[in-house]
Amino acid sequence: MPRNSQLESRHGAEAPTRLARARRVASATLALVLLATPWGCADRDSARPAPEADVRVATTPPPELLGIDPTGAPDPAEPGLPDLVRLARYVFREMRRQQAVCSLSNPFPDSLSFVLVTEVKGGRIVGVRLGKAVLERGQEELPLPGGIPPNELVAYVDCLQPLLGAVEMAPAPADGTYEPVYSYPSRAGTP
């Protein structure tokens, strides 16, 4: 039995017509796709237009030139700041800049807060020592185990001291002793 006759007997008289129509639609679709793509062009040796060059020029200078600290620390030179806040910002900015040199990993499951007793003279930090240190759980202050600061914190402050002494503060807080407080989240968080 011829092939068309088999189709007619199985699918009715219009089966070959549907099949022929589907083939024509598929051929027309393939032809349109080939014409729309670059590799479907008949003349492969013809010159193609070069892609347009990106002529945009960066108009924003780097953050350092804008006075923005790349570490994201607040600006200590902001006008109108009280001296304690200004000093705390200088110290915090230096802490962030020197993370590769001096890092602190909180060894406790609670946040670690500590005071850096900082002496300022002539626009320079001339002394830094660890003051009070406590653990914080929510709003509650807890004493350190054994009442002794962890070795990690002591080593961190010792590492920071010469780096903070090299910071030129302009505008500088007035000469005197300040006690800014810093806090590091629990070991589950990041400083």
N, C-alpha and C. Protein backbone atom coordinates (compact mmCIF):
# COMPACT_ATOMS: atom_id res chain seq x y z
N MET A 1 0.84 -1.18 0.00
CA MET A 1 0.00 0.00 0.00
C MET A 1 0.89 1.23 0.00
N PRO A 2 0.58 2.24 -0.86
CA PRO A 2 1.40 3.45 -0.91
C PRO A 2 1.33 4.20 0.42
N ARG A 3 2.34 5.01 0.61
CA ARG A 3 2.48 5.72 1.88
C ARG A 3 1.32 6.67 2.15
N ASN A 4 0.91 7.46 1.16
CA ASN A 4 -0.21 8.38 1.35
C ASN A 4 -1.49 7.65 1.70
N SER A 5 -1.66 6.48 1.14
CA SER A 5 -2.88 5.71 1.43
C SER A 5 -2.88 5.26 2.87
N GLN A 6 -1.71 4.93 3.39
CA GLN A 6 -1.64 4.52 4.79
C GLN A 6 -2.02 5.69 5.69
N LEU A 7 -1.54 6.89 5.36
CA LEU A 7 -1.87 8.06 6.16
C LEU A 7 -3.36 8.36 6.11
N GLU A 8 -3.93 8.19 4.89
CA GLU A 8 -5.35 8.47 4.75
C GLU A 8 -6.15 7.50 5.58
N SER A 9 -5.76 6.25 5.57
CA SER A 9 -6.54 5.27 6.31
C SER A 9 -6.40 5.48 7.81
N ARG A 10 -5.26 5.92 8.27
CA ARG A 10 -5.06 6.10 9.70
C ARG A 10 -5.60 7.42 10.21
N HIS A 11 -5.40 8.52 9.50
CA HIS A 11 -5.73 9.86 9.99
C HIS A 11 -6.81 10.56 9.20
N GLY A 12 -7.37 9.96 8.29
CA GLY A 12 -8.39 10.62 7.49
C GLY A 12 -7.78 11.25 6.26
N ALA A 13 -8.60 11.83 5.40
CA ALA A 13 -8.16 12.35 4.11
C ALA A 13 -7.30 13.60 4.23
N GLU A 14 -7.40 14.35 5.34
CA GLU A 14 -6.66 15.61 5.40
C GLU A 14 -5.26 15.47 6.00
N ALA A 15 -4.84 14.29 6.40
CA ALA A 15 -3.51 14.11 7.00
C ALA A 15 -2.38 14.54 6.06
N PRO A 16 -2.34 14.15 4.80
CA PRO A 16 -1.24 14.61 3.95
C PRO A 16 -1.23 16.13 3.79
N THR A 17 -2.39 16.75 3.79
CA THR A 17 -2.47 18.20 3.64
C THR A 17 -1.88 18.88 4.88
N ARG A 18 -2.19 18.39 6.05
CA ARG A 18 -1.63 18.95 7.28
C ARG A 18 -0.12 18.77 7.32
N LEU A 19 0.35 17.62 6.92
CA LEU A 19 1.78 17.35 6.91
C LEU A 19 2.51 18.28 5.93
N ALA A 20 1.94 18.47 4.75
CA ALA A 20 2.55 19.35 3.75
C ALA A 20 2.56 20.79 4.24
N ARG A 21 1.49 21.21 4.87
CA ARG A 21 1.41 22.57 5.39
C ARG A 21 2.45 22.77 6.49
N ALA A 22 2.65 21.80 7.39
CA ALA A 22 3.63 21.90 8.46
C ALA A 22 5.04 21.98 7.89
N ARG A 23 5.32 21.23 6.81
CA ARG A 23 6.65 21.29 6.18
C ARG A 23 6.89 22.67 5.58
N ARG A 24 5.87 23.24 4.93
CA ARG A 24 6.03 24.57 4.32
C ARG A 24 6.28 25.63 5.40
N VAL A 25 5.56 25.56 6.51
CA VAL A 25 5.73 26.52 7.59
C VAL A 25 7.12 26.38 8.20
N ALA A 26 7.59 25.17 8.39
CA ALA A 26 8.93 24.94 8.95
C ALA A 26 10.00 25.47 8.01
N SER A 27 9.84 25.26 6.71
CA SER A 27 10.83 25.77 5.74
C SER A 27 10.85 27.28 5.73
N ALA A 28 9.69 27.92 5.77
CA ALA A 28 9.61 29.37 5.77
C ALA A 28 10.23 29.94 7.04
N THR A 29 9.98 29.30 8.18
CA THR A 29 10.55 29.75 9.46
C THR A 29 12.06 29.65 9.43
N LEU A 30 12.59 28.52 8.92
CA LEU A 30 14.04 28.33 8.84
C LEU A 30 14.67 29.39 7.93
N ALA A 31 14.01 29.71 6.82
CA ALA A 31 14.54 30.71 5.91
C ALA A 31 14.61 32.08 6.59
N LEU A 32 13.58 32.45 7.36
CA LEU A 32 13.58 33.73 8.07
C LEU A 32 14.67 33.79 9.13
N VAL A 33 14.87 32.68 9.83
CA VAL A 33 15.91 32.64 10.85
C VAL A 33 17.28 32.81 10.21
N LEU A 34 17.53 32.14 9.12
CA LEU A 34 18.82 32.24 8.45
C LEU A 34 19.07 33.64 7.90
N LEU A 35 18.03 34.29 7.41
CA LEU A 35 18.20 35.65 6.89
C LEU A 35 18.46 36.64 8.01
N ALA A 36 17.93 36.38 9.19
CA ALA A 36 18.07 37.32 10.29
C ALA A 36 19.41 37.16 11.02
N THR A 37 20.13 36.08 10.80
CA THR A 37 21.40 35.87 11.49
C THR A 37 22.57 36.25 10.60
N PRO A 38 23.70 36.68 11.17
CA PRO A 38 24.84 37.10 10.36
C PRO A 38 25.43 35.97 9.54
N TRP A 39 25.39 34.73 10.04
CA TRP A 39 26.00 33.64 9.29
C TRP A 39 25.08 33.13 8.18
N GLY A 40 23.86 33.65 8.12
CA GLY A 40 22.94 33.22 7.08
C GLY A 40 22.99 34.12 5.85
N CYS A 41 23.83 35.12 5.82
CA CYS A 41 23.94 36.01 4.68
C CYS A 41 24.51 35.26 3.48
N ALA A 42 24.02 35.61 2.32
CA ALA A 42 24.48 34.93 1.10
C ALA A 42 25.92 35.34 0.77
N ASP A 43 26.27 36.58 1.00
CA ASP A 43 27.60 37.06 0.65
C ASP A 43 28.47 37.10 1.91
N ARG A 44 29.23 36.05 2.13
CA ARG A 44 30.04 35.97 3.35
C ARG A 44 31.24 36.89 3.30
N ASP A 45 31.68 37.27 2.13
CA ASP A 45 32.87 38.10 2.02
C ASP A 45 32.55 39.60 2.10
N SER A 46 31.29 39.94 2.16
CA SER A 46 30.94 41.36 2.19
C SER A 46 31.38 41.97 3.52
N ALA A 47 31.70 43.24 3.48
CA ALA A 47 32.16 43.94 4.68
C ALA A 47 30.98 44.14 5.62
N ARG A 48 31.22 43.89 6.87
CA ARG A 48 30.19 44.11 7.89
C ARG A 48 30.55 45.38 8.64
N PRO A 49 29.55 46.10 9.08
CA PRO A 49 29.87 47.32 9.84
C PRO A 49 30.57 46.96 11.15
N ALA A 50 31.57 47.74 11.50
CA ALA A 50 32.29 47.52 12.76
C ALA A 50 31.38 47.87 13.92
N PRO A 51 31.51 47.15 15.00
CA PRO A 51 30.69 47.52 16.17
C PRO A 51 31.10 48.91 16.65
N GLU A 52 30.10 49.63 17.13
CA GLU A 52 30.36 50.99 17.58
C GLU A 52 31.19 50.96 18.86
N ALA A 53 32.17 51.82 18.93
CA ALA A 53 33.03 51.90 20.12
C ALA A 53 32.27 52.60 21.23
N ASP A 54 32.55 52.20 22.44
CA ASP A 54 31.93 52.84 23.60
C ASP A 54 32.72 54.12 23.87
N VAL A 55 32.11 55.26 23.58
CA VAL A 55 32.80 56.53 23.69
C VAL A 55 32.48 57.26 24.99
N ARG A 56 31.79 56.58 25.91
CA ARG A 56 31.50 57.22 27.18
C ARG A 56 32.79 57.40 27.97
N VAL A 57 32.90 58.51 28.63
CA VAL A 57 34.08 58.81 29.43
C VAL A 57 33.65 58.88 30.89
N ALA A 58 34.43 58.27 31.75
CA ALA A 58 34.12 58.32 33.18
C ALA A 58 34.22 59.77 33.65
N THR A 59 33.13 60.28 34.19
CA THR A 59 33.12 61.66 34.64
C THR A 59 33.25 61.76 36.16
N THR A 60 33.16 60.64 36.85
CA THR A 60 33.26 60.65 38.30
C THR A 60 34.68 60.28 38.71
N PRO A 61 35.35 61.14 39.44
CA PRO A 61 36.70 60.81 39.89
C PRO A 61 36.65 59.71 40.96
N PRO A 62 37.78 59.08 41.23
CA PRO A 62 37.81 58.04 42.26
C PRO A 62 37.41 58.59 43.61
N PRO A 63 36.88 57.73 44.50
CA PRO A 63 36.41 58.20 45.80
C PRO A 63 37.46 58.95 46.61
N GLU A 64 38.73 58.54 46.50
CA GLU A 64 39.78 59.20 47.27
C GLU A 64 39.88 60.68 46.92
N LEU A 65 39.68 61.01 45.63
CA LEU A 65 39.77 62.40 45.21
C LEU A 65 38.56 63.21 45.66
N LEU A 66 37.46 62.54 45.93
CA LEU A 66 36.26 63.23 46.39
C LEU A 66 36.25 63.39 47.91
N GLY A 67 37.27 62.84 48.56
CA GLY A 67 37.31 62.90 50.02
C GLY A 67 36.48 61.81 50.66
N ILE A 68 36.08 60.80 49.90
CA ILE A 68 35.30 59.69 50.44
C ILE A 68 36.27 58.58 50.79
N ASP A 69 36.15 58.09 52.00
CA ASP A 69 37.04 57.02 52.43
C ASP A 69 36.61 55.71 51.78
N PRO A 70 37.53 55.01 51.10
CA PRO A 70 37.14 53.77 50.43
C PRO A 70 36.70 52.66 51.39
N THR A 71 37.02 52.79 52.68
CA THR A 71 36.59 51.77 53.64
C THR A 71 35.14 51.96 54.05
N GLY A 72 34.57 53.10 53.71
CA GLY A 72 33.18 53.36 54.09
C GLY A 72 33.06 53.97 55.48
N ALA A 73 34.17 54.26 56.14
CA ALA A 73 34.13 54.85 57.47
C ALA A 73 33.61 56.28 57.38
N PRO A 74 32.88 56.74 58.39
CA PRO A 74 32.39 58.12 58.38
C PRO A 74 33.53 59.12 58.37
N ASP A 75 33.28 60.28 57.81
CA ASP A 75 34.31 61.31 57.66
C ASP A 75 34.57 62.00 58.99
N PRO A 76 35.81 61.89 59.52
CA PRO A 76 36.11 62.56 60.78
C PRO A 76 36.26 64.08 60.64
N ALA A 77 36.43 64.56 59.42
CA ALA A 77 36.59 66.00 59.22
C ALA A 77 35.26 66.72 59.04
N GLU A 78 34.17 66.02 59.19
CA GLU A 78 32.84 66.63 59.04
C GLU A 78 32.70 67.80 60.02
N PRO A 79 32.25 68.95 59.54
CA PRO A 79 32.14 70.12 60.42
C PRO A 79 31.11 69.92 61.53
N GLY A 80 31.40 70.53 62.68
CA GLY A 80 30.44 70.55 63.78
C GLY A 80 30.43 69.32 64.66
N LEU A 81 31.37 68.42 64.51
CA LEU A 81 31.39 67.22 65.35
C LEU A 81 32.01 67.52 66.71
N PRO A 82 31.47 66.94 67.76
CA PRO A 82 32.15 67.05 69.06
C PRO A 82 33.50 66.32 68.99
N ASP A 83 34.43 66.70 69.84
CA ASP A 83 35.79 66.14 69.79
C ASP A 83 35.80 64.62 69.99
N LEU A 84 34.99 64.10 70.90
CA LEU A 84 34.97 62.65 71.13
C LEU A 84 34.53 61.90 69.87
N VAL A 85 33.51 62.40 69.21
CA VAL A 85 33.02 61.76 67.98
C VAL A 85 34.07 61.86 66.88
N ARG A 86 34.72 63.01 66.76
CA ARG A 86 35.75 63.19 65.75
C ARG A 86 36.90 62.19 65.97
N LEU A 87 37.37 62.08 67.21
CA LEU A 87 38.44 61.13 67.51
C LEU A 87 37.99 59.70 67.25
N ALA A 88 36.79 59.36 67.67
CA ALA A 88 36.27 58.00 67.46
C ALA A 88 36.24 57.66 65.97
N ARG A 89 35.90 58.62 65.14
CA ARG A 89 35.88 58.39 63.69
C ARG A 89 37.28 58.20 63.12
N TYR A 90 38.24 58.98 63.59
CA TYR A 90 39.62 58.80 63.13
C TYR A 90 40.11 57.39 63.49
N VAL A 91 39.85 56.98 64.72
CA VAL A 91 40.30 55.66 65.18
C VAL A 91 39.58 54.57 64.40
N PHE A 92 38.27 54.70 64.23
CA PHE A 92 37.50 53.68 63.50
C PHE A 92 37.97 53.56 62.06
N ARG A 93 38.22 54.70 61.42
CA ARG A 93 38.70 54.67 60.04
C ARG A 93 40.04 53.93 59.95
N GLU A 94 40.91 54.20 60.90
CA GLU A 94 42.21 53.52 60.89
C GLU A 94 42.06 52.03 61.19
N MET A 95 41.14 51.67 62.06
CA MET A 95 40.87 50.25 62.33
C MET A 95 40.48 49.53 61.04
N ARG A 96 39.62 50.16 60.27
CA ARG A 96 39.16 49.54 59.02
C ARG A 96 40.28 49.48 57.99
N ARG A 97 41.08 50.53 57.90
CA ARG A 97 42.17 50.55 56.93
C ARG A 97 43.24 49.51 57.25
N GLN A 98 43.45 49.24 58.51
CA GLN A 98 44.53 48.36 58.93
C GLN A 98 44.07 46.94 59.25
N GLN A 99 42.90 46.54 58.78
CA GLN A 99 42.39 45.20 59.09
C GLN A 99 43.34 44.08 58.65
N ALA A 100 44.08 44.29 57.59
CA ALA A 100 45.01 43.26 57.13
C ALA A 100 46.20 43.14 58.08
N VAL A 101 46.55 44.24 58.75
CA VAL A 101 47.69 44.24 59.66
C VAL A 101 47.25 43.86 61.07
N CYS A 102 46.20 44.49 61.53
CA CYS A 102 45.67 44.25 62.88
C CYS A 102 44.22 43.81 62.76
N SER A 103 43.96 42.57 63.10
CA SER A 103 42.58 42.11 63.02
C SER A 103 42.16 41.57 64.38
N LEU A 104 40.88 41.68 64.65
CA LEU A 104 40.33 41.19 65.90
C LEU A 104 39.22 40.21 65.58
N SER A 105 39.33 39.05 66.12
CA SER A 105 38.28 38.04 65.99
C SER A 105 37.68 37.86 67.39
N ASN A 106 36.42 38.19 67.53
CA ASN A 106 35.76 38.09 68.82
C ASN A 106 35.66 36.62 69.23
N PRO A 107 36.28 36.22 70.34
CA PRO A 107 36.26 34.82 70.74
C PRO A 107 34.99 34.41 71.49
N PHE A 108 34.08 35.36 71.72
CA PHE A 108 32.90 35.09 72.54
C PHE A 108 31.63 34.94 71.69
N PRO A 109 30.64 34.24 72.24
CA PRO A 109 29.36 34.13 71.51
C PRO A 109 28.50 35.40 71.61
N ASP A 110 28.91 36.35 72.48
CA ASP A 110 28.20 37.63 72.62
C ASP A 110 29.06 38.74 72.04
N SER A 111 28.45 39.90 71.80
CA SER A 111 29.21 41.05 71.29
C SER A 111 30.23 41.50 72.33
N LEU A 112 31.38 41.93 71.85
CA LEU A 112 32.47 42.39 72.71
C LEU A 112 32.58 43.91 72.54
N SER A 113 32.39 44.64 73.65
CA SER A 113 32.53 46.10 73.63
C SER A 113 33.71 46.48 74.49
N PHE A 114 34.45 47.50 74.02
CA PHE A 114 35.61 47.92 74.79
C PHE A 114 35.85 49.40 74.59
N VAL A 115 36.53 49.98 75.57
CA VAL A 115 36.88 51.39 75.55
C VAL A 115 38.37 51.48 75.23
N LEU A 116 38.71 52.36 74.29
CA LEU A 116 40.11 52.67 74.01
C LEU A 116 40.41 54.01 74.65
N VAL A 117 41.17 54.00 75.71
CA VAL A 117 41.56 55.25 76.36
C VAL A 117 42.63 55.86 75.46
N THR A 118 42.30 57.00 74.86
CA THR A 118 43.14 57.60 73.82
C THR A 118 43.56 59.00 74.23
N GLU A 119 44.87 59.22 74.22
CA GLU A 119 45.40 60.54 74.58
C GLU A 119 45.80 61.28 73.30
N VAL A 120 45.33 62.52 73.19
CA VAL A 120 45.60 63.35 72.00
C VAL A 120 46.42 64.56 72.43
N LYS A 121 47.46 64.85 71.62
CA LYS A 121 48.28 66.03 71.90
C LYS A 121 48.81 66.57 70.57
N GLY A 122 48.54 67.83 70.31
CA GLY A 122 49.05 68.48 69.11
C GLY A 122 48.58 67.85 67.81
N GLY A 123 47.34 67.38 67.78
CA GLY A 123 46.79 66.80 66.55
C GLY A 123 47.23 65.36 66.29
N ARG A 124 47.86 64.73 67.26
CA ARG A 124 48.33 63.34 67.14
C ARG A 124 47.80 62.51 68.31
N ILE A 125 47.65 61.24 68.05
CA ILE A 125 47.31 60.30 69.11
C ILE A 125 48.64 59.86 69.72
N VAL A 126 48.86 60.20 70.98
CA VAL A 126 50.15 59.90 71.61
C VAL A 126 50.09 58.72 72.56
N GLY A 127 48.91 58.23 72.84
CA GLY A 127 48.79 57.06 73.72
C GLY A 127 47.46 56.36 73.53
N VAL A 128 47.51 55.04 73.53
CA VAL A 128 46.29 54.24 73.42
C VAL A 128 46.44 53.06 74.38
N ARG A 129 45.41 52.84 75.18
CA ARG A 129 45.41 51.65 76.03
C ARG A 129 43.98 51.15 76.16
N LEU A 130 43.89 49.90 76.53
CA LEU A 130 42.57 49.28 76.68
C LEU A 130 41.95 49.72 78.00
N GLY A 131 40.73 50.20 77.92
CA GLY A 131 39.98 50.55 79.13
C GLY A 131 39.04 49.41 79.48
N LYS A 132 37.84 49.73 79.85
CA LYS A 132 36.84 48.75 80.24
C LYS A 132 36.45 47.88 79.04
N ALA A 133 36.26 46.59 79.28
CA ALA A 133 35.78 45.67 78.24
C ALA A 133 34.67 44.82 78.85
N VAL A 134 33.57 44.69 78.11
CA VAL A 134 32.42 43.90 78.57
C VAL A 134 31.83 43.13 77.41
N LEU A 135 30.98 42.18 77.74
CA LEU A 135 30.20 41.47 76.73
C LEU A 135 28.81 42.08 76.73
N GLU A 136 28.19 42.10 75.57
CA GLU A 136 26.82 42.62 75.46
C GLU A 136 25.92 41.57 74.87
N ARG A 137 24.81 41.34 75.53
CA ARG A 137 23.78 40.45 75.01
C ARG A 137 22.51 41.28 74.97
N GLY A 138 22.17 41.72 73.77
CA GLY A 138 21.05 42.66 73.63
C GLY A 138 21.44 43.97 74.27
N GLN A 139 20.64 44.45 75.23
CA GLN A 139 20.94 45.70 75.94
C GLN A 139 21.68 45.43 77.26
N GLU A 140 21.89 44.17 77.57
CA GLU A 140 22.49 43.80 78.85
C GLU A 140 24.01 43.70 78.75
N GLU A 141 24.71 44.32 79.73
CA GLU A 141 26.17 44.21 79.81
C GLU A 141 26.52 43.05 80.73
N LEU A 142 27.44 42.21 80.28
CA LEU A 142 27.90 41.07 81.06
C LEU A 142 29.40 41.20 81.30
N PRO A 143 29.88 40.79 82.47
CA PRO A 143 31.32 40.86 82.70
C PRO A 143 32.05 39.81 81.86
N LEU A 144 33.32 40.09 81.57
CA LEU A 144 34.14 39.12 80.85
C LEU A 144 34.40 37.93 81.75
N PRO A 145 34.53 36.74 81.18
CA PRO A 145 34.86 35.57 82.01
C PRO A 145 36.19 35.80 82.74
N GLY A 146 36.16 35.66 84.04
CA GLY A 146 37.35 35.88 84.85
C GLY A 146 37.68 37.35 85.02
N GLY A 147 36.91 38.25 84.42
CA GLY A 147 37.15 39.68 84.53
C GLY A 147 38.38 40.16 83.78
N ILE A 148 38.96 39.30 82.94
CA ILE A 148 40.19 39.63 82.22
C ILE A 148 39.89 39.72 80.72
N PRO A 149 40.37 40.80 80.07
CA PRO A 149 40.16 40.89 78.62
C PRO A 149 40.86 39.73 77.91
N PRO A 150 40.28 39.26 76.83
CA PRO A 150 40.92 38.15 76.11
C PRO A 150 42.25 38.58 75.48
N ASN A 151 43.16 37.65 75.33
CA ASN A 151 44.47 37.94 74.73
C ASN A 151 44.32 38.54 73.34
N GLU A 152 43.30 38.12 72.58
CA GLU A 152 43.09 38.65 71.23
C GLU A 152 42.86 40.15 71.25
N LEU A 153 42.08 40.62 72.25
CA LEU A 153 41.79 42.05 72.36
C LEU A 153 43.03 42.84 72.78
N VAL A 154 43.78 42.30 73.73
CA VAL A 154 45.00 42.97 74.18
C VAL A 154 46.00 43.08 73.03
N ALA A 155 46.17 42.00 72.27
CA ALA A 155 47.09 42.01 71.13
C ALA A 155 46.61 42.99 70.06
N TYR A 156 45.30 43.08 69.87
CA TYR A 156 44.73 44.01 68.88
C TYR A 156 45.05 45.46 69.24
N VAL A 157 44.85 45.82 70.49
CA VAL A 157 45.13 47.20 70.92
C VAL A 157 46.63 47.48 70.81
N ASP A 158 47.47 46.52 71.19
CA ASP A 158 48.92 46.69 71.06
C ASP A 158 49.33 46.89 69.60
N CYS A 159 48.70 46.18 68.70
CA CYS A 159 48.99 46.31 67.27
C CYS A 159 48.55 47.67 66.73
N LEU A 160 47.39 48.15 67.20
CA LEU A 160 46.86 49.43 66.72
C LEU A 160 47.64 50.64 67.20
N GLN A 161 48.24 50.55 68.39
CA GLN A 161 48.85 51.73 69.01
C GLN A 161 49.84 52.46 68.10
N PRO A 162 50.84 51.82 67.51
CA PRO A 162 51.76 52.59 66.66
C PRO A 162 51.09 53.10 65.37
N LEU A 163 50.12 52.37 64.87
CA LEU A 163 49.42 52.79 63.64
C LEU A 163 48.58 54.04 63.91
N LEU A 164 47.93 54.06 65.06
CA LEU A 164 47.12 55.23 65.42
C LEU A 164 48.01 56.44 65.70
N GLY A 165 49.22 56.21 66.23
CA GLY A 165 50.15 57.30 66.50
C GLY A 165 50.62 57.99 65.23
N ALA A 166 50.53 57.30 64.09
CA ALA A 166 50.97 57.88 62.82
C ALA A 166 49.88 58.67 62.11
N VAL A 167 48.66 58.62 62.63
CA VAL A 167 47.54 59.31 61.99
C VAL A 167 47.62 60.81 62.23
N GLU A 168 47.58 61.57 61.15
CA GLU A 168 47.52 63.03 61.26
C GLU A 168 46.06 63.43 61.25
N MET A 169 45.63 64.07 62.30
CA MET A 169 44.23 64.46 62.41
C MET A 169 44.08 65.93 62.07
N ALA A 170 43.33 66.21 61.04
CA ALA A 170 43.07 67.59 60.65
C ALA A 170 41.65 67.66 60.10
N PRO A 171 40.76 68.31 60.73
CA PRO A 171 40.90 69.01 62.00
C PRO A 171 41.04 68.01 63.14
N ALA A 172 41.78 68.41 64.13
CA ALA A 172 42.08 67.53 65.26
C ALA A 172 41.19 67.87 66.44
N PRO A 173 40.87 66.87 67.23
CA PRO A 173 40.18 67.18 68.49
C PRO A 173 41.14 67.91 69.44
N ALA A 174 40.60 68.57 70.42
CA ALA A 174 41.42 69.28 71.39
C ALA A 174 42.30 68.29 72.15
N ASP A 175 43.43 68.77 72.64
CA ASP A 175 44.31 67.93 73.44
C ASP A 175 43.55 67.42 74.67
N GLY A 176 43.83 66.16 75.02
CA GLY A 176 43.18 65.59 76.19
C GLY A 176 43.06 64.08 76.06
N THR A 177 42.37 63.49 77.02
CA THR A 177 42.15 62.05 77.03
C THR A 177 40.69 61.78 76.71
N TYR A 178 40.49 60.85 75.79
CA TYR A 178 39.14 60.48 75.32
C TYR A 178 38.94 58.98 75.53
N GLU A 179 37.68 58.59 75.63
CA GLU A 179 37.36 57.18 75.83
C GLU A 179 36.26 56.73 74.87
N PRO A 180 36.58 56.61 73.60
CA PRO A 180 35.56 56.11 72.67
C PRO A 180 35.32 54.61 72.90
N VAL A 181 34.09 54.19 72.63
CA VAL A 181 33.68 52.79 72.83
C VAL A 181 33.52 52.15 71.46
N TYR A 182 34.04 50.94 71.32
CA TYR A 182 33.93 50.17 70.07
C TYR A 182 33.32 48.82 70.41
N SER A 183 32.62 48.26 69.45
CA SER A 183 31.94 46.99 69.67
C SER A 183 32.15 46.06 68.49
N TYR A 184 32.43 44.81 68.79
CA TYR A 184 32.57 43.78 67.76
C TYR A 184 31.48 42.76 67.99
N PRO A 185 30.77 42.36 66.93
CA PRO A 185 29.68 41.39 67.09
C PRO A 185 30.23 40.02 67.52
N SER A 186 29.31 39.15 67.85
CA SER A 186 29.68 37.81 68.28
C SER A 186 30.45 37.10 67.18
N ARG A 187 31.07 36.00 67.52
CA ARG A 187 31.88 35.28 66.52
C ARG A 187 31.05 34.80 65.35
N ALA A 188 29.73 34.75 65.50
CA ALA A 188 28.87 34.37 64.37
C ALA A 188 28.79 35.50 63.35
N GLY A 189 29.00 36.75 63.79
CA GLY A 189 28.94 37.91 62.89
C GLY A 189 30.32 38.29 62.43
N THR A 190 30.41 39.44 61.79
CA THR A 190 31.71 39.94 61.33
C THR A 190 31.97 41.28 61.97
N PRO A 191 33.24 41.63 62.24
CA PRO A 191 33.54 42.92 62.89
C PRO A 191 33.28 44.09 61.98
